[in-house]
């Protein structure tokens, strides 16, 4: 019986990568045109949301989004969430209608096909380079001026399986304070169970998202970074622990 479980997990992982690649191959010409100008990014974002829904549906995931507050269409935000799964990117795209740009690690740009569009549409950061981290602020500033939002997974990576929620880096909160935009804390409750980075694990089922009340940054200064960081982390951690009980 156990051998069938391992076989399922192997095929399930392969199926995921097929689902990731298939829409990109089919829509490649349209995707290519949509990234020719930065001002066309909202059109690319709509295609990215379709891509995300295609993958999640194909994997047998059913998402349920609980919104305590809804983003306004003409405002910029800083979206942050816990990071536990390869499906986090897709679930974020499904959960948020406001066009946003991911700030993510440059290593993902090496993934065939996906990486081609990732490095042309996201703000890449080398976390080991101070110069790269500073460049993120300049690129994010330009995107915010274009009316877009920003999304960062503030843990800075996927923590070990046993860690409920890792400490948050300050970058997302400094950016939000610098640009006086609201922080939107989000909790992904089931992604670790559904599709974690542990190879032999996961399966179809529900993916719940909780979008918490926004945290305003108007009037705050850089000195408030740690305070707002901890406030956001405690909110997400409390939600995760409450769900475990």
Protein backbone atom coordinates (compact mmCIF):
# COMPACT_ATOMS: atom_id res chain seq x y z
CA UNK A 1 0.00 0.00 0.00
CA UNK A 2 2.82 2.38 0.89
CA UNK A 3 4.44 1.92 -2.52
CA UNK A 4 1.27 3.31 -4.14
CA UNK A 5 1.52 6.40 -1.92
CA UNK A 6 5.10 7.04 -3.04
CA UNK A 7 4.12 6.47 -6.66
CA UNK A 8 1.25 8.95 -6.29
CA UNK A 9 3.56 11.58 -4.76
CA UNK A 10 6.10 11.17 -7.58
CA UNK A 11 3.43 11.50 -10.29
CA UNK A 12 1.78 14.37 -8.40
CA UNK A 13 5.02 16.37 -8.41
CA UNK A 14 5.58 15.69 -12.11
CA UNK A 15 1.98 16.72 -12.84
CA UNK A 16 2.58 20.03 -11.04
CA UNK A 17 5.46 20.95 -13.36
CA UNK A 18 3.42 19.95 -16.40
CA UNK A 19 0.64 22.30 -15.24
CA UNK A 20 3.16 25.09 -14.65
CA UNK A 21 4.63 24.74 -18.14
CA UNK A 22 1.55 24.03 -20.26
CA UNK A 23 -0.18 27.46 -20.13
CA UNK A 24 3.16 29.22 -20.61
CA UNK A 25 3.82 27.21 -23.79
CA UNK A 26 0.29 27.73 -25.14
CA UNK A 27 0.13 31.43 -24.27
CA UNK A 28 3.80 32.19 -24.98
CA UNK A 29 3.24 34.72 -27.83
CA UNK A 30 0.61 36.65 -25.83
CA UNK A 31 2.75 36.56 -22.67
CA UNK A 32 5.74 37.80 -24.64
CA UNK A 33 3.82 40.79 -26.00
CA UNK A 34 2.44 41.63 -22.54
CA UNK A 35 5.93 42.10 -21.07
CA UNK A 36 7.31 44.31 -23.85
CA UNK A 37 6.36 47.47 -21.93
CA UNK A 38 6.20 47.97 -18.17
CA UNK A 39 2.95 49.90 -18.65
CA UNK A 40 1.37 46.72 -20.04
CA UNK A 41 2.05 44.80 -16.83
CA UNK A 42 -1.65 44.77 -15.71
CA UNK A 43 -2.44 42.69 -18.81
CA UNK A 44 0.36 40.27 -17.96
CA UNK A 45 -0.99 40.11 -14.41
CA UNK A 46 -4.42 38.98 -15.68
CA UNK A 47 -2.74 36.19 -17.63
CA UNK A 48 -0.71 35.26 -14.54
CA UNK A 49 -3.93 34.95 -12.51
CA UNK A 50 -5.38 32.63 -15.15
CA UNK A 51 -2.14 30.58 -15.05
CA UNK A 52 -2.38 30.33 -11.24
CA UNK A 53 -6.04 29.23 -11.29
CA UNK A 54 -5.24 26.64 -13.97
CA UNK A 55 -2.48 25.11 -11.83
CA UNK A 56 -4.39 25.08 -8.55
CA UNK A 57 -7.49 23.60 -10.17
CA UNK A 58 -5.44 21.01 -12.03
CA UNK A 59 -3.78 19.95 -8.76
CA UNK A 60 -7.15 19.41 -7.13
CA UNK A 61 -6.83 22.38 -4.80
CA UNK A 62 -9.98 24.24 -3.78
CA UNK A 63 -9.25 27.74 -2.48
CA UNK A 64 -11.38 29.56 0.05
CA UNK A 65 -10.62 33.22 0.78
CA UNK A 66 -11.82 34.98 3.93
CA UNK A 67 -11.47 38.74 3.60
CA UNK A 68 -11.66 40.94 6.69
CA UNK A 69 -10.90 43.94 4.49
CA UNK A 70 -10.88 44.36 0.71
CA UNK A 71 -8.17 46.31 -1.16
CA UNK A 72 -9.36 49.31 -3.16
CA UNK A 73 -8.73 49.03 -6.88
CA UNK A 74 -6.94 52.38 -7.24
CA UNK A 75 -4.53 52.05 -4.31
CA UNK A 76 -1.12 50.45 -3.82
CA UNK A 77 -0.46 47.95 -1.04
CA UNK A 78 2.25 45.78 0.45
CA UNK A 79 0.98 42.18 0.46
CA UNK A 80 2.77 39.81 2.87
CA UNK A 81 2.13 36.18 3.78
CA UNK A 82 3.74 33.13 5.35
CA UNK A 83 5.80 31.01 2.96
CA UNK A 84 5.57 27.20 3.08
CA UNK A 85 4.93 25.89 -0.42
CA UNK A 86 5.72 26.06 -4.12
CA UNK A 87 2.02 26.85 -4.55
CA UNK A 88 2.24 30.09 -2.51
CA UNK A 89 2.89 32.15 -5.63
CA UNK A 90 -0.21 30.76 -7.34
CA UNK A 91 -2.41 31.18 -4.27
CA UNK A 92 -1.28 34.79 -3.85
CA UNK A 93 -2.18 35.52 -7.49
CA UNK A 94 -5.60 33.94 -7.03
CA UNK A 95 -6.28 35.77 -3.75
CA UNK A 96 -5.41 39.31 -4.90
CA UNK A 97 -7.02 41.13 -7.83
CA UNK A 98 -4.94 44.31 -7.54
CA UNK A 99 -1.97 44.05 -9.94
CA UNK A 100 1.16 43.52 -7.86
CA UNK A 101 4.82 42.71 -8.46
CA UNK A 102 6.59 39.96 -6.56
CA UNK A 103 9.90 40.63 -4.84
CA UNK A 104 11.61 37.24 -4.88
CA UNK A 105 14.91 35.44 -4.80
CA UNK A 106 16.92 35.47 -8.01
CA UNK A 107 17.43 31.68 -7.94
CA UNK A 108 13.89 31.15 -9.28
CA UNK A 109 14.93 32.81 -12.52
CA UNK A 110 16.88 29.63 -13.34
CA UNK A 111 13.70 27.53 -13.66
CA UNK A 112 13.20 26.74 -17.37
CA UNK A 113 10.38 28.64 -19.08
CA UNK A 114 8.91 30.01 -15.82
CA UNK A 115 12.20 31.79 -15.10
CA UNK A 116 12.10 33.62 -18.44
CA UNK A 117 8.99 35.58 -17.41
CA UNK A 118 9.84 35.63 -13.70
CA UNK A 119 13.02 37.66 -14.16
CA UNK A 120 11.31 40.08 -16.56
CA UNK A 121 8.27 40.81 -14.42
CA UNK A 122 9.42 40.41 -10.80
CA UNK A 123 11.89 42.35 -8.68
CA UNK A 124 14.76 39.96 -8.09
CA UNK A 125 16.93 40.13 -5.01
CA UNK A 126 20.19 38.45 -4.07
CA UNK A 127 19.84 38.31 -0.30
CA UNK A 128 23.61 37.93 0.08
CA UNK A 129 24.28 41.21 -1.72
CA UNK A 130 23.73 44.57 -0.03
CA UNK A 131 23.86 46.26 -3.45
CA UNK A 132 21.05 43.99 -4.70
CA UNK A 133 18.91 44.69 -1.64
CA UNK A 134 19.29 48.45 -2.14
CA UNK A 135 18.36 48.10 -5.82
CA UNK A 136 15.08 46.47 -4.77
CA UNK A 137 13.98 49.73 -3.15
CA UNK A 138 14.59 51.71 -6.34
CA UNK A 139 12.73 49.23 -8.56
CA UNK A 140 9.87 48.93 -6.08
CA UNK A 141 9.60 52.72 -5.97
CA UNK A 142 9.24 52.86 -9.75
CA UNK A 143 6.55 50.17 -9.75
CA UNK A 144 4.60 51.86 -6.95
CA UNK A 145 4.66 55.13 -8.89
CA UNK A 146 3.05 53.21 -11.76
CA UNK A 147 0.14 52.42 -9.43
CA UNK A 148 1.09 48.79 -8.80
CA UNK A 149 1.36 46.99 -5.46
CA UNK A 150 4.21 44.88 -4.10
CA UNK A 151 4.19 41.34 -2.68
CA UNK A 152 6.92 39.97 -0.43
CA UNK A 153 7.16 36.78 1.61
CA UNK A 154 8.95 38.38 4.58
CA UNK A 155 10.43 35.17 5.99
CA UNK A 156 12.97 35.51 3.18
CA UNK A 157 12.59 31.88 2.15
CA UNK A 158 10.80 28.68 3.09
CA UNK A 159 11.61 27.67 6.68
CA UNK A 160 12.27 24.12 7.88
CA UNK A 161 9.18 21.93 8.06
CA UNK A 162 9.01 22.04 11.87
CA UNK A 163 8.99 25.87 12.01
CA UNK A 164 5.46 27.30 12.16
CA UNK A 165 6.56 30.81 11.16
CA UNK A 166 10.11 32.10 10.80
CA UNK A 167 11.26 35.57 11.79
CA UNK A 168 10.42 38.33 9.30
CA UNK A 169 12.99 40.39 7.42
CA UNK A 170 12.51 44.16 7.60
CA UNK A 171 12.54 44.93 3.87
CA UNK A 172 8.79 44.74 3.22
CA UNK A 173 8.00 46.94 6.19
CA UNK A 174 10.65 49.54 5.37
CA UNK A 175 9.28 49.77 1.85
CA UNK A 176 5.71 50.14 3.09
CA UNK A 177 6.70 52.87 5.56
CA UNK A 178 8.86 54.70 2.99
CA UNK A 179 5.94 54.84 0.56
CA UNK A 180 3.24 55.18 3.23
CA UNK A 181 1.21 52.29 1.80
CA UNK A 182 -0.92 49.89 3.87
CA UNK A 183 0.41 46.44 4.74
CA UNK A 184 -1.99 43.59 3.94
CA UNK A 185 -1.17 40.59 6.17
CA UNK A 186 -2.31 37.26 4.73
CA UNK A 187 -2.24 33.77 6.24
CA UNK A 188 -2.02 30.65 4.09
CA UNK A 189 -3.42 27.95 6.36
CA UNK A 190 -3.15 24.74 4.35
CA UNK A 191 -0.32 25.09 1.84
CA UNK A 192 2.18 23.15 3.94
CA UNK A 193 -0.22 20.18 4.08
CA UNK A 194 -1.22 20.44 0.44
CA UNK A 195 2.14 20.92 -1.29
CA UNK A 196 5.19 21.56 0.88
CA UNK A 197 8.81 21.30 -0.24
CA UNK A 198 8.98 17.81 1.30
CA UNK A 199 8.88 15.64 -1.83
CA UNK A 200 6.87 12.70 -0.52
CA UNK A 201 3.92 14.63 0.87
CA UNK A 202 0.80 16.53 -0.08
CA UNK A 203 -2.34 15.94 -2.05
CA UNK A 204 -5.56 17.56 -3.30
CA UNK A 205 -7.80 19.44 -0.90
CA UNK A 206 -8.72 22.84 0.45
CA UNK A 207 -6.45 25.88 0.53
CA UNK A 208 -7.70 28.51 2.94
CA UNK A 209 -6.53 32.11 2.86
CA UNK A 210 -7.25 34.71 5.51
CA UNK A 211 -6.78 38.35 4.53
CA UNK A 212 -6.46 40.28 7.78
CA UNK A 213 -7.35 43.91 8.49
CA UNK A 214 -4.79 46.20 6.88
CA UNK A 215 -2.02 47.79 8.91
CA UNK A 216 -1.69 51.50 8.11
CA UNK A 217 1.74 53.10 7.80
CA UNK A 218 0.71 56.73 7.38
CA UNK A 219 2.65 58.87 9.81
CA UNK A 220 5.11 56.09 10.66
CA UNK A 221 8.87 56.46 10.25
CA UNK A 222 11.70 54.01 9.69
CA UNK A 223 12.10 53.84 13.47
CA UNK A 224 8.74 52.04 13.54
CA UNK A 225 9.93 49.23 11.25
CA UNK A 226 10.54 46.62 13.97
CA UNK A 227 7.25 47.45 15.66
CA UNK A 228 5.21 47.00 12.49
CA UNK A 229 7.23 43.88 11.60
CA UNK A 230 6.38 42.21 14.91
CA UNK A 231 2.76 43.31 14.77
CA UNK A 232 2.33 41.67 11.36
CA UNK A 233 4.16 38.49 12.34
CA UNK A 234 2.20 38.07 15.58
CA UNK A 235 -1.08 38.41 13.68
CA UNK A 236 -0.17 35.66 11.20
CA UNK A 237 1.38 33.42 13.88
CA UNK A 238 -1.70 33.71 16.09
CA UNK A 239 -3.90 32.66 13.16
CA UNK A 240 -1.70 29.66 12.36
CA UNK A 241 -1.60 28.47 15.97
CA UNK A 242 -5.32 28.98 16.44
CA UNK A 243 -5.97 26.80 13.40
CA UNK A 244 -3.78 24.01 14.84
CA UNK A 245 -5.79 23.84 18.06
